[in-house]
Amino acid sequence: MKKYFANSVGLLLLLVLVSPTALAQLSYRKGQHVEPAYEGWRENADGTFSFLFGYFNENWEEQIDIPVGENNYFSPGEADQGQPTYFLPRRNRFTFEVRVPADWGDQELVWTLTSPNGVTRKAYATLATDYTVDNIIIASETGSLGAGTSSPESRANTPPDPRLLGDTVRTARVGEPIVIRTQVVDDGIPKPGRVGSSTSFEPKSREEWMKDVLRPPQRSTVGKVNGLYLSWNKYRGPGEVSFSPEQVKPWEDTRASANSPWGALWAPPPIPEAGVYEVTATFSEPGTYTLWGRADDGGLYGDTYITVNVSP
């Protein structure tokens, strides 16, 4: 009887551990596919519309290259709509926009991705009213606000404006770094800090940090630390790009000390003098690269790009 009871308890524990909820939380280092994501649409001042897209790379470590072509394309229309060909790990929201004309109507714009493991996924964009987004929705979806909340401060927030200093098209040689200088103009909203906590970043004791790390999630949406940063990353290109200093991750890495605004112990870096950020980029192979700079204040973002033609 004791043996039967022990086995029953063990089976019950196993069922709990492998419940559908637990299985849904399985994660992988590499070998999985990329899910394209349609985030919603907004109307532009000229009457056109912008479809907003992101993606979910199922891997925690593997960063996947999928060149524009039969494995990475839009339809109808031009296959190349400015989408990334280099996919960072995990969830990346509101990564890029595709503008469509004012008379778009009820058409679908479809983004098709086939990952190296052969899995094909599609994202379908339409002007359905329930996919309308605004700044408050963006801030809420990315974790700057609690679900369904806003404030006079958050409604007044304007996106940071990254201004590239220098040419938008440059040349480099393999292994020789180039310097990228960007001035970020921001309104200082929202105030730095984690949602629902003090805005202070005073040093904490080990016990306080451990409580933050081990505390169960207290919100239904992803959590994020508010605070201005600029992050440069590869967007397209044939080889690897190394950045110095290390850049803040623009993807939702929730692990502690992951250098990500979604991580438990992250604090925004100091804002440099006159808001001018300087970074070097070094390329491993010749070819044409697109680098993507994202300025993010926690709630909203602004993007800038640079093309680099790299010779041997």
Protein backbone atom coordinates (compact mmCIF):
# COMPACT_ATOMS: atom_id res chain seq x y z
CA MET A 1 0.00 0.00 0.00
CA LYS A 2 2.80 2.42 0.88
CA LYS A 3 4.53 1.70 -2.43
CA TYR A 4 1.25 2.23 -4.33
CA PHE A 5 0.63 5.50 -2.48
CA ALA A 6 4.14 6.75 -3.21
CA ASN A 7 3.81 5.87 -6.90
CA SER A 8 0.44 7.64 -7.07
CA VAL A 9 1.88 10.77 -5.52
CA GLY A 10 4.80 10.62 -7.95
CA LEU A 11 2.43 10.23 -10.90
CA LEU A 12 0.31 13.14 -9.71
CA LEU A 13 3.42 15.30 -9.39
CA LEU A 14 4.52 14.28 -12.88
CA LEU A 15 1.11 15.17 -14.32
CA VAL A 16 1.32 18.58 -12.70
CA LEU A 17 4.81 19.14 -14.05
CA VAL A 18 3.87 18.21 -17.61
CA SER A 19 0.45 19.84 -17.67
CA PRO A 20 -0.48 21.78 -20.84
CA THR A 21 0.45 25.00 -19.06
CA ALA A 22 3.88 23.64 -18.20
CA LEU A 23 4.38 22.26 -21.72
CA ALA A 24 3.49 25.65 -23.17
CA GLN A 25 6.37 27.12 -21.21
CA LEU A 26 9.02 24.83 -22.66
CA SER A 27 11.83 26.81 -24.24
CA TYR A 28 14.72 26.04 -26.54
CA ARG A 29 18.26 27.28 -27.08
CA LYS A 30 18.30 26.63 -30.85
CA GLY A 31 16.76 24.68 -33.71
CA GLN A 32 13.30 26.25 -33.61
CA HIS A 33 11.49 28.54 -36.08
CA VAL A 34 10.54 32.21 -36.27
CA GLU A 35 6.89 33.27 -36.00
CA PRO A 36 6.11 36.51 -37.88
CA ALA A 37 3.68 38.68 -35.93
CA TYR A 38 1.18 41.32 -37.06
CA GLU A 39 0.97 43.84 -34.21
CA GLY A 40 -1.70 46.19 -35.61
CA TRP A 41 -2.14 49.33 -37.69
CA ARG A 42 -2.34 53.09 -37.34
CA GLU A 43 -3.38 55.88 -39.67
CA ASN A 44 -0.80 58.41 -40.86
CA ALA A 45 -1.33 62.15 -41.20
CA ASP A 46 -1.50 61.89 -45.01
CA GLY A 47 -4.33 59.35 -44.92
CA THR A 48 -2.14 56.30 -45.59
CA PHE A 49 -1.84 53.45 -43.09
CA SER A 50 1.10 51.73 -41.44
CA PHE A 51 1.01 48.03 -40.66
CA LEU A 52 3.22 47.20 -37.66
CA PHE A 53 5.05 43.88 -37.53
CA GLY A 54 7.26 42.02 -35.10
CA TYR A 55 8.25 38.42 -34.60
CA PHE A 56 8.85 35.64 -32.11
CA ASN A 57 12.06 33.66 -32.53
CA GLU A 58 11.38 30.49 -30.55
CA ASN A 59 15.06 30.20 -29.61
CA TRP A 60 16.76 31.75 -26.58
CA GLU A 61 20.22 31.81 -28.18
CA GLU A 62 20.10 31.13 -31.92
CA GLN A 63 19.92 34.26 -34.07
CA ILE A 64 18.57 33.34 -37.49
CA ASP A 65 19.33 34.74 -40.94
CA ILE A 66 16.55 34.50 -43.54
CA PRO A 67 17.36 36.58 -46.66
CA VAL A 68 14.60 38.31 -48.60
CA GLY A 69 13.36 35.91 -51.28
CA GLU A 70 11.40 32.70 -51.36
CA ASN A 71 11.82 32.24 -47.59
CA ASN A 72 11.14 35.83 -46.48
CA TYR A 73 8.67 37.87 -48.53
CA PHE A 74 5.52 39.96 -48.59
CA SER A 75 2.54 39.59 -50.88
CA PRO A 76 0.81 41.11 -52.72
CA GLY A 77 3.24 43.65 -54.13
CA GLU A 78 6.98 43.88 -53.61
CA ALA A 79 8.52 40.95 -51.75
CA ASP A 80 10.88 43.36 -49.97
CA GLN A 81 8.98 45.71 -47.68
CA GLY A 82 11.90 46.59 -45.42
CA GLN A 83 11.54 43.56 -43.15
CA PRO A 84 14.52 42.22 -41.19
CA THR A 85 16.55 39.32 -42.52
CA TYR A 86 18.31 38.82 -39.16
CA PHE A 87 16.13 37.67 -36.28
CA LEU A 88 17.15 38.23 -32.69
CA PRO A 89 16.08 35.72 -30.02
CA ARG A 90 12.61 35.51 -28.50
CA ARG A 91 9.85 38.14 -28.70
CA ASN A 92 10.52 41.32 -30.64
CA ARG A 93 7.50 43.64 -30.82
CA PHE A 94 6.83 46.52 -33.23
CA THR A 95 10.08 45.90 -35.10
CA PHE A 96 9.16 47.60 -38.39
CA GLU A 97 6.30 49.19 -40.34
CA VAL A 98 4.94 48.76 -43.86
CA ARG A 99 3.03 51.73 -45.29
CA VAL A 100 0.01 51.04 -47.51
CA PRO A 101 -2.11 53.53 -49.49
CA ALA A 102 -5.22 55.28 -48.22
CA ASP A 103 -7.43 53.17 -50.52
CA TRP A 104 -6.09 49.85 -49.16
CA GLY A 105 -9.60 48.74 -48.18
CA ASP A 106 -10.13 45.19 -46.96
CA GLN A 107 -7.07 43.63 -48.61
CA GLU A 108 -4.64 41.41 -46.69
CA LEU A 109 -0.88 41.97 -46.62
CA VAL A 110 0.85 38.68 -45.89
CA TRP A 111 4.37 38.23 -44.51
CA THR A 112 5.71 34.71 -45.10
CA LEU A 113 8.74 33.30 -43.29
CA THR A 114 10.32 29.89 -43.77
CA SER A 115 12.94 29.15 -41.13
CA PRO A 116 16.08 27.07 -41.72
CA ASN A 117 14.39 24.08 -40.07
CA GLY A 118 11.74 24.13 -42.83
CA VAL A 119 8.83 25.50 -40.81
CA THR A 120 6.75 28.10 -42.67
CA ARG A 121 4.62 30.68 -40.87
CA LYS A 122 2.56 33.64 -42.09
CA ALA A 123 1.32 36.90 -40.56
CA TYR A 124 -1.84 38.44 -42.02
CA ALA A 125 -2.27 42.22 -41.81
CA THR A 126 -5.62 43.93 -42.35
CA LEU A 127 -7.32 47.16 -41.34
CA ALA A 128 -9.68 45.36 -38.97
CA THR A 129 -10.80 47.84 -36.32
CA ASP A 130 -9.76 45.63 -33.41
CA TYR A 131 -6.12 45.85 -34.58
CA THR A 132 -5.91 49.64 -34.26
CA VAL A 133 -2.93 50.72 -32.14
CA ASP A 134 -1.84 53.99 -30.58
CA ASN A 135 0.95 55.06 -28.23
CA ILE A 136 -0.87 53.84 -25.12
CA ILE A 137 -1.42 50.40 -26.65
CA ILE A 138 2.24 50.20 -27.69
CA ALA A 139 3.39 51.17 -24.19
CA SER A 140 1.05 48.63 -22.64
CA GLU A 141 1.99 45.80 -25.01
CA THR A 142 5.71 46.31 -24.47
CA GLY A 143 5.30 46.37 -20.67
CA SER A 144 5.78 50.04 -19.85
CA LEU A 145 2.24 50.28 -18.47
CA GLY A 146 0.06 47.85 -16.60
CA ALA A 147 -2.63 46.22 -18.74
CA GLY A 148 -5.48 48.62 -19.40
CA THR A 149 -3.90 51.53 -17.52
CA SER A 150 -2.69 54.98 -18.48
CA SER A 151 -1.90 58.31 -16.86
CA PRO A 152 -1.61 61.97 -17.90
CA GLU A 153 2.17 61.41 -18.03
CA SER A 154 1.97 58.36 -20.26
CA ARG A 155 -0.52 60.06 -22.58
CA ALA A 156 1.84 63.02 -22.92
CA ASN A 157 4.84 60.86 -23.82
CA THR A 158 6.37 61.36 -27.26
CA PRO A 159 8.73 58.85 -28.92
CA PRO A 160 12.48 59.45 -28.57
CA ASP A 161 14.08 60.80 -31.73
CA PRO A 162 17.42 59.19 -32.74
CA ARG A 163 19.36 61.45 -35.11
CA LEU A 164 22.24 59.80 -36.91
CA LEU A 165 25.30 62.04 -37.03
CA GLY A 166 27.05 61.52 -40.34
CA ASP A 167 26.27 59.67 -43.54
CA THR A 168 23.52 57.06 -43.74
CA VAL A 169 25.64 55.01 -46.19
CA ARG A 170 29.22 54.18 -45.24
CA THR A 171 32.11 51.93 -46.16
CA ALA A 172 34.22 49.67 -43.98
CA ARG A 173 36.69 46.81 -44.21
CA VAL A 174 36.41 43.41 -42.59
CA GLY A 175 37.77 43.53 -39.06
CA GLU A 176 38.16 47.32 -38.97
CA PRO A 177 35.59 49.08 -36.76
CA ILE A 178 33.58 52.10 -37.80
CA VAL A 179 32.27 54.68 -35.33
CA ILE A 180 28.54 55.46 -35.21
CA ARG A 181 27.42 58.57 -33.38
CA THR A 182 23.73 59.18 -32.68
CA GLN A 183 22.05 62.02 -30.86
CA VAL A 184 18.86 61.00 -29.07
CA VAL A 185 16.31 63.72 -28.28
CA ASP A 186 13.73 62.76 -25.67
CA ASP A 187 11.14 64.43 -23.45
CA GLY A 188 12.15 62.59 -20.25
CA ILE A 189 8.82 60.74 -20.06
CA PRO A 190 8.24 58.24 -18.53
CA LYS A 191 10.38 58.61 -15.44
CA PRO A 192 12.92 55.80 -15.04
CA GLY A 193 11.79 52.83 -12.96
CA ARG A 194 9.88 49.57 -13.03
CA VAL A 195 6.11 49.71 -13.35
CA GLY A 196 4.50 49.56 -9.93
CA SER A 197 7.70 50.33 -8.02
CA SER A 198 9.78 53.28 -6.91
CA THR A 199 11.61 55.16 -9.65
CA SER A 200 14.76 55.06 -7.56
CA PHE A 201 17.75 53.04 -8.71
CA GLU A 202 19.63 53.21 -5.42
CA PRO A 203 21.77 50.12 -4.76
CA LYS A 204 19.88 47.27 -3.13
CA SER A 205 21.03 44.64 -0.70
CA ARG A 206 21.50 41.07 -1.87
CA GLU A 207 18.34 40.07 -0.01
CA GLU A 208 16.31 42.77 -1.78
CA TRP A 209 17.64 41.74 -5.19
CA MET A 210 16.82 38.09 -4.52
CA LYS A 211 13.27 39.02 -3.58
CA ASP A 212 12.91 40.84 -6.91
CA VAL A 213 14.28 37.88 -8.84
CA LEU A 214 12.26 35.19 -7.05
CA ARG A 215 8.98 37.08 -6.66
CA PRO A 216 6.23 35.52 -8.83
CA PRO A 217 4.87 37.72 -11.65
CA GLN A 218 2.23 40.14 -10.39
CA ARG A 219 0.85 41.26 -13.75
CA SER A 220 -0.78 39.68 -16.77
CA THR A 221 1.44 41.47 -19.31
CA VAL A 222 5.19 41.45 -19.77
CA GLY A 223 7.04 43.69 -17.30
CA LYS A 224 9.58 46.30 -18.37
CA VAL A 225 11.83 48.90 -16.78
CA ASN A 226 11.22 52.42 -18.05
CA GLY A 227 14.32 54.40 -18.93
CA LEU A 228 15.99 55.78 -22.06
CA TYR A 229 18.52 53.73 -24.00
CA LEU A 230 19.86 53.40 -27.54
CA SER A 231 20.63 49.98 -28.99
CA TRP A 232 22.37 49.23 -32.30
CA ASN A 233 21.93 45.79 -33.85
CA LYS A 234 22.33 44.00 -37.13
CA TYR A 235 19.16 44.15 -39.24
CA ARG A 236 20.45 42.65 -42.48
CA GLY A 237 23.80 41.37 -43.71
CA PRO A 238 25.85 38.30 -44.61
CA GLY A 239 28.11 38.05 -41.55
CA GLU A 240 28.39 38.81 -37.86
CA VAL A 241 28.54 42.34 -36.47
CA SER A 242 30.23 43.10 -33.15
CA PHE A 243 29.32 46.26 -31.24
CA SER A 244 31.30 48.05 -28.56
CA PRO A 245 30.30 48.85 -25.91
CA GLU A 246 27.85 45.99 -25.41
CA GLN A 247 24.40 47.09 -26.50
CA VAL A 248 21.20 46.88 -24.47
CA LYS A 249 19.04 44.04 -25.78
CA PRO A 250 15.94 45.27 -27.65
CA TRP A 251 14.28 41.87 -27.23
CA GLU A 252 12.40 40.53 -24.25
CA ASP A 253 15.10 38.74 -22.29
CA THR A 254 13.47 38.33 -18.88
CA ARG A 255 16.47 36.73 -17.20
CA ALA A 256 18.18 38.58 -14.36
CA SER A 257 21.34 40.49 -15.31
CA ALA A 258 20.62 39.99 -19.03
CA ASN A 259 21.22 43.63 -20.01
CA SER A 260 17.59 43.86 -21.09
CA PRO A 261 14.85 46.26 -19.91
CA TRP A 262 12.69 43.19 -19.36
CA GLY A 263 15.24 41.65 -16.98
CA ALA A 264 14.74 41.78 -13.22
CA LEU A 265 17.93 43.66 -12.36
CA TRP A 266 18.25 46.05 -15.31
CA ALA A 267 18.72 49.80 -14.83
CA PRO A 268 18.94 52.32 -17.69
CA PRO A 269 22.48 53.40 -18.59
CA PRO A 270 23.56 57.01 -17.99
CA ILE A 271 22.56 59.43 -20.74
CA PRO A 272 25.75 60.79 -22.38
CA GLU A 273 26.51 64.48 -22.72
CA ALA A 274 24.16 66.23 -25.19
CA GLY A 275 22.47 62.85 -25.67
CA VAL A 276 25.14 61.72 -28.13
CA TYR A 277 25.76 57.97 -28.04
CA GLU A 278 28.91 56.54 -29.62
CA VAL A 279 29.36 52.92 -30.62
CA THR A 280 31.76 51.03 -32.88
CA ALA A 281 30.71 48.25 -35.25
CA THR A 282 33.04 45.58 -36.66
CA PHE A 283 32.12 43.22 -39.49
CA SER A 284 33.21 39.62 -39.98
CA GLU A 285 32.55 39.24 -43.71
CA PRO A 286 32.36 41.45 -46.81
CA GLY A 287 28.98 42.49 -48.17
CA THR A 288 26.21 45.00 -47.63
CA TYR A 289 24.79 45.40 -44.13
CA THR A 290 21.88 47.32 -42.64
CA LEU A 291 22.28 48.31 -39.01
CA TRP A 292 19.26 49.24 -36.92
CA GLY A 293 19.37 51.75 -34.10
CA ARG A 294 16.44 51.83 -31.69
CA ALA A 295 15.99 54.57 -29.11
CA ASP A 296 13.52 53.44 -26.44
CA ASP A 297 12.30 55.33 -23.36
CA GLY A 298 10.46 52.33 -21.96
CA GLY A 299 7.09 53.24 -23.40
CA LEU A 300 7.76 54.38 -26.95
CA TYR A 301 10.56 54.06 -29.50
CA GLY A 302 12.19 55.71 -32.51
CA ASP A 303 14.31 53.97 -35.14
CA THR A 304 17.18 54.92 -37.42
CA TYR A 305 19.21 52.89 -39.91
CA ILE A 306 22.61 52.90 -41.55
CA THR A 307 23.86 50.97 -44.60
CA VAL A 308 27.46 49.79 -44.53
CA ASN A 309 29.26 48.40 -47.58
CA VAL A 310 32.04 46.17 -46.28
CA SER A 311 35.02 45.19 -48.43
CA PRO A 312 37.53 42.37 -47.71
